[in-house]
Amino acid sequence: MILLILNPVDGFNILDHSLNLFHHTIILAQQVNVDIVGDFVSKWNHIVKTGQIWAFFVGVVAGWGIRSLLP
């Protein structure tokens, strides 16, 4: 969670000063749900569904073949 404090006197500060609750401050917070595995599976399924996986395999084989020709 990112915590950003807007202080009318100091402007923006990101918890670099001690948190003084007696000043009039506005606290803005944002909560983000991150699902790394779910995002990866979704992207992988899209790559397979659109046929880009075959282009990847052709590129790997072609790169391996070209690499074997070079000294």
PDB file of N, CA and C in Angstrom:
ATOM      1  N   MET A   1       0.842  -1.163   0.000  1.00  0.00           N
ATOM      2  CA  MET A   1       0.000   0.000   0.000  1.00  0.00           C
ATOM      3  C   MET A   1       0.893   1.234   0.000  1.00  0.00           C
ATOM      4  N   ILE A   2       0.555   2.211  -0.812  1.00  0.00           N
ATOM      5  CA  ILE A   2       1.301   3.454  -0.891  1.00  0.00           C
ATOM      6  C   ILE A   2       0.564   4.491  -0.064  1.00  0.00           C
ATOM      7  N   LEU A   3       1.294   5.174   0.809  1.00  0.00           N
ATOM      8  CA  LEU A   3       0.704   6.189   1.662  1.00  0.00           C
ATOM      9  C   LEU A   3       1.326   7.523   1.313  1.00  0.00           C
ATOM     10  N   LEU A   4       0.519   8.457   0.858  1.00  0.00           N
ATOM     11  CA  LEU A   4       0.991   9.777   0.463  1.00  0.00           C
ATOM     12  C   LEU A   4       0.305  10.800   1.348  1.00  0.00           C
ATOM     13  N   ILE A   5       1.084  11.644   1.988  1.00  0.00           N
ATOM     14  CA  ILE A   5       0.528  12.649   2.881  1.00  0.00           C
ATOM     15  C   ILE A   5       0.630  14.009   2.205  1.00  0.00           C
ATOM     16  N   LEU A   6      -0.499  14.690   2.093  1.00  0.00           N
ATOM     17  CA  LEU A   6      -0.525  16.047   1.571  1.00  0.00           C
ATOM     18  C   LEU A   6      -0.599  16.996   2.754  1.00  0.00           C
ATOM     19  N   ASN A   7       0.415  17.793   2.915  1.00  0.00           N
ATOM     20  CA  ASN A   7       0.463  18.751   4.000  1.00  0.00           C
ATOM     21  C   ASN A   7       0.426  20.137   3.383  1.00  0.00           C
ATOM     22  N   PRO A   8      -0.553  20.978   3.736  1.00  0.00           N
ATOM     23  CA  PRO A   8      -0.649  22.294   3.112  1.00  0.00           C
ATOM     24  C   PRO A   8       0.567  23.175   3.378  1.00  0.00           C
ATOM     25  N   VAL A   9       1.299  22.927   4.447  1.00  0.00           N
ATOM     26  CA  VAL A   9       2.459  23.755   4.774  1.00  0.00           C
ATOM     27  C   VAL A   9       3.687  23.283   4.011  1.00  0.00           C
ATOM     28  N   ASP A  10       3.970  21.973   4.047  1.00  0.00           N
ATOM     29  CA  ASP A  10       5.184  21.433   3.447  1.00  0.00           C
ATOM     30  C   ASP A  10       4.988  20.976   2.008  1.00  0.00           C
ATOM     31  N   GLY A  11       3.780  20.808   1.551  1.00  0.00           N
ATOM     32  CA  GLY A  11       3.546  20.234   0.232  1.00  0.00           C
ATOM     33  C   GLY A  11       3.522  18.720   0.336  1.00  0.00           C
ATOM     34  N   PHE A  12       4.085  18.051  -0.648  1.00  0.00           N
ATOM     35  CA  PHE A  12       4.101  16.593  -0.667  1.00  0.00           C
ATOM     36  C   PHE A  12       5.246  16.078   0.184  1.00  0.00           C
ATOM     37  N   ASN A  13       4.998  15.106   0.993  1.00  0.00           N
ATOM     38  CA  ASN A  13       6.077  14.353   1.631  1.00  0.00           C
ATOM     39  C   ASN A  13       5.613  12.922   1.800  1.00  0.00           C
ATOM     40  N   ILE A  14       6.515  12.003   1.595  1.00  0.00           N
ATOM     41  CA  ILE A  14       6.178  10.582   1.675  1.00  0.00           C
ATOM     42  C   ILE A  14       6.838  10.019   2.924  1.00  0.00           C
ATOM     43  N   LEU A  15       6.223  10.279   4.046  1.00  0.00           N
ATOM     44  CA  LEU A  15       6.663   9.764   5.348  1.00  0.00           C
ATOM     45  C   LEU A  15       8.146  10.022   5.620  1.00  0.00           C
ATOM     46  N   ASP A  16       8.674  11.151   5.125  1.00  0.00           N
ATOM     47  CA  ASP A  16      10.064  11.447   5.434  1.00  0.00           C
ATOM     48  C   ASP A  16      10.180  12.244   6.725  1.00  0.00           C
ATOM     49  N   HIS A  17       9.083  12.791   7.208  1.00  0.00           N
ATOM     50  CA  HIS A  17       9.062  13.455   8.503  1.00  0.00           C
ATOM     51  C   HIS A  17       8.304  12.561   9.471  1.00  0.00           C
ATOM     52  N   SER A  18       8.453  12.830  10.736  1.00  0.00           N
ATOM     53  CA  SER A  18       7.692  12.036  11.703  1.00  0.00           C
ATOM     54  C   SER A  18       6.208  12.344  11.529  1.00  0.00           C
ATOM     55  N   LEU A  19       5.397  11.357  11.749  1.00  0.00           N
ATOM     56  CA  LEU A  19       3.959  11.496  11.563  1.00  0.00           C
ATOM     57  C   LEU A  19       3.382  12.240  12.760  1.00  0.00           C
ATOM     58  N   ASN A  20       3.017  13.488  12.546  1.00  0.00           N
ATOM     59  CA  ASN A  20       2.455  14.307  13.608  1.00  0.00           C
ATOM     60  C   ASN A  20       0.961  14.430  13.349  1.00  0.00           C
ATOM     61  N   LEU A  21       0.155  13.859  14.215  1.00  0.00           N
ATOM     62  CA  LEU A  21      -1.282  13.822  13.995  1.00  0.00           C
ATOM     63  C   LEU A  21      -1.982  15.109  14.391  1.00  0.00           C
ATOM     64  N   PHE A  22      -1.251  16.079  14.941  1.00  0.00           N
ATOM     65  CA  PHE A  22      -1.879  17.320  15.363  1.00  0.00           C
ATOM     66  C   PHE A  22      -1.953  18.345  14.232  1.00  0.00           C
ATOM     67  N   HIS A  23      -1.223  18.129  13.132  1.00  0.00           N
ATOM     68  CA  HIS A  23      -1.333  19.004  11.973  1.00  0.00           C
ATOM     69  C   HIS A  23      -2.559  18.605  11.170  1.00  0.00           C
ATOM     70  N   HIS A  24      -3.067  19.562  10.429  1.00  0.00           N
ATOM     71  CA  HIS A  24      -4.188  19.271   9.544  1.00  0.00           C
ATOM     72  C   HIS A  24      -3.618  18.697   8.251  1.00  0.00           C
ATOM     73  N   THR A  25      -3.738  17.411   8.091  1.00  0.00           N
ATOM     74  CA  THR A  25      -3.214  16.760   6.899  1.00  0.00           C
ATOM     75  C   THR A  25      -4.310  15.938   6.242  1.00  0.00           C
ATOM     76  N   ILE A  26      -4.144  15.743   4.962  1.00  0.00           N
ATOM     77  CA  ILE A  26      -5.042  14.891   4.191  1.00  0.00           C
ATOM     78  C   ILE A  26      -4.251  13.645   3.824  1.00  0.00           C
ATOM     79  N   ILE A  27      -4.766  12.484   4.155  1.00  0.00           N
ATOM     80  CA  ILE A  27      -4.076  11.230   3.871  1.00  0.00           C
ATOM     81  C   ILE A  27      -4.789  10.544   2.712  1.00  0.00           C
ATOM     82  N   LEU A  28      -4.022  10.272   1.661  1.00  0.00           N
ATOM     83  CA  LEU A  28      -4.545   9.562   0.499  1.00  0.00           C
ATOM     84  C   LEU A  28      -3.913   8.180   0.459  1.00  0.00           C
ATOM     85  N   ALA A  29      -4.707   7.152   0.299  1.00  0.00           N
ATOM     86  CA  ALA A  29      -4.180   5.789   0.224  1.00  0.00           C
ATOM     87  C   ALA A  29      -4.898   5.060  -0.906  1.00  0.00           C
ATOM     88  N   GLN A  30      -4.182   4.112  -1.488  1.00  0.00           N
ATOM     89  CA  GLN A  30      -4.757   3.319  -2.567  1.00  0.00           C
ATOM     90  C   GLN A  30      -4.409   1.862  -2.327  1.00  0.00           C
ATOM     91  N   GLN A  31      -5.394   1.007  -2.437  1.00  0.00           N
ATOM     92  CA  GLN A  31      -5.166  -0.418  -2.261  1.00  0.00           C
ATOM     93  C   GLN A  31      -5.329  -1.096  -3.615  1.00  0.00           C
ATOM     94  N   VAL A  32      -4.329  -1.897  -3.991  1.00  0.00           N
ATOM     95  CA  VAL A  32      -4.331  -2.560  -5.288  1.00  0.00           C
ATOM     96  C   VAL A  32      -4.217  -4.064  -5.063  1.00  0.00           C
ATOM     97  N   ASN A  33      -5.101  -4.811  -5.690  1.00  0.00           N
ATOM     98  CA  ASN A  33      -5.025  -6.268  -5.623  1.00  0.00           C
ATOM     99  C   ASN A  33      -4.133  -6.756  -6.754  1.00  0.00           C
ATOM    100  N   VAL A  34      -3.033  -7.401  -6.407  1.00  0.00           N
ATOM    101  CA  VAL A  34      -2.072  -7.873  -7.393  1.00  0.00           C
ATOM    102  C   VAL A  34      -2.130  -9.396  -7.424  1.00  0.00           C
ATOM    103  N   ASP A  35      -2.395  -9.940  -8.599  1.00  0.00           N
ATOM    104  CA  ASP A  35      -2.441 -11.385  -8.790  1.00  0.00           C
ATOM    105  C   ASP A  35      -1.447 -11.732  -9.889  1.00  0.00           C
ATOM    106  N   ILE A  36      -0.188 -11.941  -9.512  1.00  0.00           N
ATOM    107  CA  ILE A  36       0.881 -12.153 -10.480  1.00  0.00           C
ATOM    108  C   ILE A  36       0.668 -13.450 -11.249  1.00  0.00           C
ATOM    109  N   VAL A  37       0.327 -14.522 -10.548  1.00  0.00           N
ATOM    110  CA  VAL A  37       0.140 -15.820 -11.205  1.00  0.00           C
ATOM    111  C   VAL A  37      -1.064 -15.766 -12.149  1.00  0.00           C
ATOM    112  N   GLY A  38      -2.139 -15.155 -11.712  1.00  0.00           N
ATOM    113  CA  GLY A  38      -3.321 -15.039 -12.558  1.00  0.00           C
ATOM    114  C   GLY A  38      -3.054 -14.219 -13.808  1.00  0.00           C
ATOM    115  N   ASP A  39      -2.292 -13.123 -13.660  1.00  0.00           N
ATOM    116  CA  ASP A  39      -1.932 -12.307 -14.822  1.00  0.00           C
ATOM    117  C   ASP A  39      -1.048 -13.093 -15.781  1.00  0.00           C
ATOM    118  N   PHE A  40      -0.083 -13.854 -15.239  1.00  0.00           N
ATOM    119  CA  PHE A  40       0.804 -14.647 -16.088  1.00  0.00           C
ATOM    120  C   PHE A  40       0.016 -15.697 -16.863  1.00  0.00           C
ATOM    121  N   VAL A  41      -0.894 -16.390 -16.186  1.00  0.00           N
ATOM    122  CA  VAL A  41      -1.697 -17.426 -16.848  1.00  0.00           C
ATOM    123  C   VAL A  41      -2.565 -16.798 -17.938  1.00  0.00           C
ATOM    124  N   SER A  42      -3.133 -15.642 -17.658  1.00  0.00           N
ATOM    125  CA  SER A  42      -3.961 -14.960 -18.651  1.00  0.00           C
ATOM    126  C   SER A  42      -3.142 -14.572 -19.880  1.00  0.00           C
ATOM    127  N   LYS A  43      -1.961 -14.018 -19.666  1.00  0.00           N
ATOM    128  CA  LYS A  43      -1.101 -13.627 -20.795  1.00  0.00           C
ATOM    129  C   LYS A  43      -0.618 -14.850 -21.563  1.00  0.00           C
ATOM    130  N   TRP A  44      -0.254 -15.919 -20.850  1.00  0.00           N
ATOM    131  CA  TRP A  44       0.215 -17.138 -21.503  1.00  0.00           C
ATOM    132  C   TRP A  44      -0.891 -17.743 -22.367  1.00  0.00           C
ATOM    133  N   ASN A  45      -2.121 -17.793 -21.847  1.00  0.00           N
ATOM    134  CA  ASN A  45      -3.241 -18.323 -22.624  1.00  0.00           C
ATOM    135  C   ASN A  45      -3.498 -17.478 -23.865  1.00  0.00           C
ATOM    136  N   HIS A  46      -3.322 -16.166 -23.763  1.00  0.00           N
ATOM    137  CA  HIS A  46      -3.491 -15.291 -24.925  1.00  0.00           C
ATOM    138  C   HIS A  46      -2.422 -15.582 -25.979  1.00  0.00           C
ATOM    139  N   ILE A  47      -1.177 -15.784 -25.546  1.00  0.00           N
ATOM    140  CA  ILE A  47      -0.085 -16.090 -26.479  1.00  0.00           C
ATOM    141  C   ILE A  47      -0.356 -17.406 -27.201  1.00  0.00           C
ATOM    142  N   VAL A  48      -0.828 -18.405 -26.465  1.00  0.00           N
ATOM    143  CA  VAL A  48      -1.120 -19.708 -27.078  1.00  0.00           C
ATOM    144  C   VAL A  48      -2.327 -19.603 -28.012  1.00  0.00           C
ATOM    145  N   LYS A  49      -3.367 -18.890 -27.573  1.00  0.00           N
ATOM    146  CA  LYS A  49      -4.597 -18.791 -28.355  1.00  0.00           C
ATOM    147  C   LYS A  49      -4.382 -18.046 -29.674  1.00  0.00           C
ATOM    148  N   THR A  50      -3.516 -17.038 -29.690  1.00  0.00           N
ATOM    149  CA  THR A  50      -3.292 -16.251 -30.907  1.00  0.00           C
ATOM    150  C   THR A  50      -2.224 -16.846 -31.807  1.00  0.00           C
ATOM    151  N   GLY A  51      -1.569 -17.920 -31.395  1.00  0.00           N
ATOM    152  CA  GLY A  51      -0.577 -18.572 -32.231  1.00  0.00           C
ATOM    153  C   GLY A  51       0.809 -17.970 -32.140  1.00  0.00           C
ATOM    154  N   GLN A  52       1.017 -17.043 -31.240  1.00  0.00           N
ATOM    155  CA  GLN A  52       2.334 -16.428 -31.101  1.00  0.00           C
ATOM    156  C   GLN A  52       3.358 -17.398 -30.527  1.00  0.00           C
ATOM    157  N   ILE A  53       2.900 -18.465 -29.901  1.00  0.00           N
ATOM    158  CA  ILE A  53       3.826 -19.452 -29.327  1.00  0.00           C
ATOM    159  C   ILE A  53       4.616 -20.131 -30.441  1.00  0.00           C
ATOM    160  N   TRP A  54       3.969 -20.329 -31.617  1.00  0.00           N
ATOM    161  CA  TRP A  54       4.675 -20.962 -32.732  1.00  0.00           C
ATOM    162  C   TRP A  54       5.757 -20.041 -33.278  1.00  0.00           C
ATOM    163  N   ALA A  55       5.495 -18.755 -33.321  1.00  0.00           N
ATOM    164  CA  ALA A  55       6.517 -17.797 -33.754  1.00  0.00           C
ATOM    165  C   ALA A  55       7.686 -17.797 -32.771  1.00  0.00           C
ATOM    166  N   PHE A  56       7.394 -17.957 -31.498  1.00  0.00           N
ATOM    167  CA  PHE A  56       8.454 -18.032 -30.494  1.00  0.00           C
ATOM    168  C   PHE A  56       9.330 -19.256 -30.731  1.00  0.00           C
ATOM    169  N   PHE A  57       8.692 -20.415 -30.942  1.00  0.00           N
ATOM    170  CA  PHE A  57       9.464 -21.641 -31.160  1.00  0.00           C
ATOM    171  C   PHE A  57      10.273 -21.574 -32.454  1.00  0.00           C
ATOM    172  N   VAL A  58       9.708 -21.012 -33.516  1.00  0.00           N
ATOM    173  CA  VAL A  58      10.446 -20.844 -34.770  1.00  0.00           C
ATOM    174  C   VAL A  58      11.636 -19.929 -34.543  1.00  0.00           C
ATOM    175  N   GLY A  59      11.468 -18.866 -33.782  1.00  0.00           N
ATOM    176  CA  GLY A  59      12.572 -17.958 -33.485  1.00  0.00           C
ATOM    177  C   GLY A  59      13.661 -18.616 -32.671  1.00  0.00           C
ATOM    178  N   VAL A  60      13.279 -19.461 -31.714  1.00  0.00           N
ATOM    179  CA  VAL A  60      14.280 -20.175 -30.905  1.00  0.00           C
ATOM    180  C   VAL A  60      15.074 -21.130 -31.783  1.00  0.00           C
ATOM    181  N   VAL A  61      14.390 -21.899 -32.627  1.00  0.00           N
ATOM    182  CA  VAL A  61      15.076 -22.857 -33.498  1.00  0.00           C
ATOM    183  C   VAL A  61      15.961 -22.124 -34.501  1.00  0.00           C
ATOM    184  N   ALA A  62      15.464 -21.045 -35.103  1.00  0.00           N
ATOM    185  CA  ALA A  62      16.262 -20.285 -36.069  1.00  0.00           C
ATOM    186  C   ALA A  62      17.470 -19.655 -35.385  1.00  0.00           C
ATOM    187  N   GLY A  63      17.283 -19.109 -34.216  1.00  0.00           N
ATOM    188  CA  GLY A  63      18.407 -18.522 -33.483  1.00  0.00           C
ATOM    189  C   GLY A  63      19.440 -19.556 -33.103  1.00  0.00           C
ATOM    190  N   TRP A  64      18.980 -20.730 -32.693  1.00  0.00           N
ATOM    191  CA  TRP A  64      19.896 -21.813 -32.336  1.00  0.00           C
ATOM    192  C   TRP A  64      20.684 -22.268 -33.567  1.00  0.00           C
ATOM    193  N   GLY A  65      19.983 -22.348 -34.712  1.00  0.00           N
ATOM    194  CA  GLY A  65      20.651 -22.751 -35.948  1.00  0.00           C
ATOM    195  C   GLY A  65      21.677 -21.731 -36.405  1.00  0.00           C
ATOM    196  N   ILE A  66      21.330 -20.460 -36.343  1.00  0.00           N
ATOM    197  CA  ILE A  66      22.277 -19.410 -36.743  1.00  0.00           C
ATOM    198  C   ILE A  66      23.460 -19.366 -35.789  1.00  0.00           C
ATOM    199  N   ARG A  67      23.201 -19.574 -34.513  1.00  0.00           N
ATOM    200  CA  ARG A  67      24.288 -19.567 -33.529  1.00  0.00           C
ATOM    201  C   ARG A  67      25.266 -20.712 -33.778  1.00  0.00           C
ATOM    202  N   SER A  68      24.751 -21.845 -34.211  1.00  0.00           N
ATOM    203  CA  SER A  68      25.632 -22.989 -34.456  1.00  0.00           C
ATOM    204  C   SER A  68      26.504 -22.766 -35.700  1.00  0.00           C
ATOM    205  N   LEU A  69      26.083 -21.887 -36.611  1.00  0.00           N
ATOM    206  CA  LEU A  69      26.880 -21.594 -37.801  1.00  0.00           C
ATOM    207  C   LEU A  69      28.020 -20.626 -37.512  1.00  0.00           C
ATOM    208  N   LEU A  70      27.867 -19.802 -36.495  1.00  0.00           N
ATOM    209  CA  LEU A  70      28.891 -18.812 -36.162  1.00  0.00           C
ATOM    210  C   LEU A  70      30.016 -19.463 -35.364  1.00  0.00           C
ATOM    211  N   PRO A  71      31.241 -18.945 -35.528  1.00  0.00           N
ATOM    212  CA  PRO A  71      32.374 -19.555 -34.801  1.00  0.00           C
ATOM    213  C   PRO A  71      32.333 -19.304 -33.312  1.00  0.00           C
TER     214      PRO A  71
END
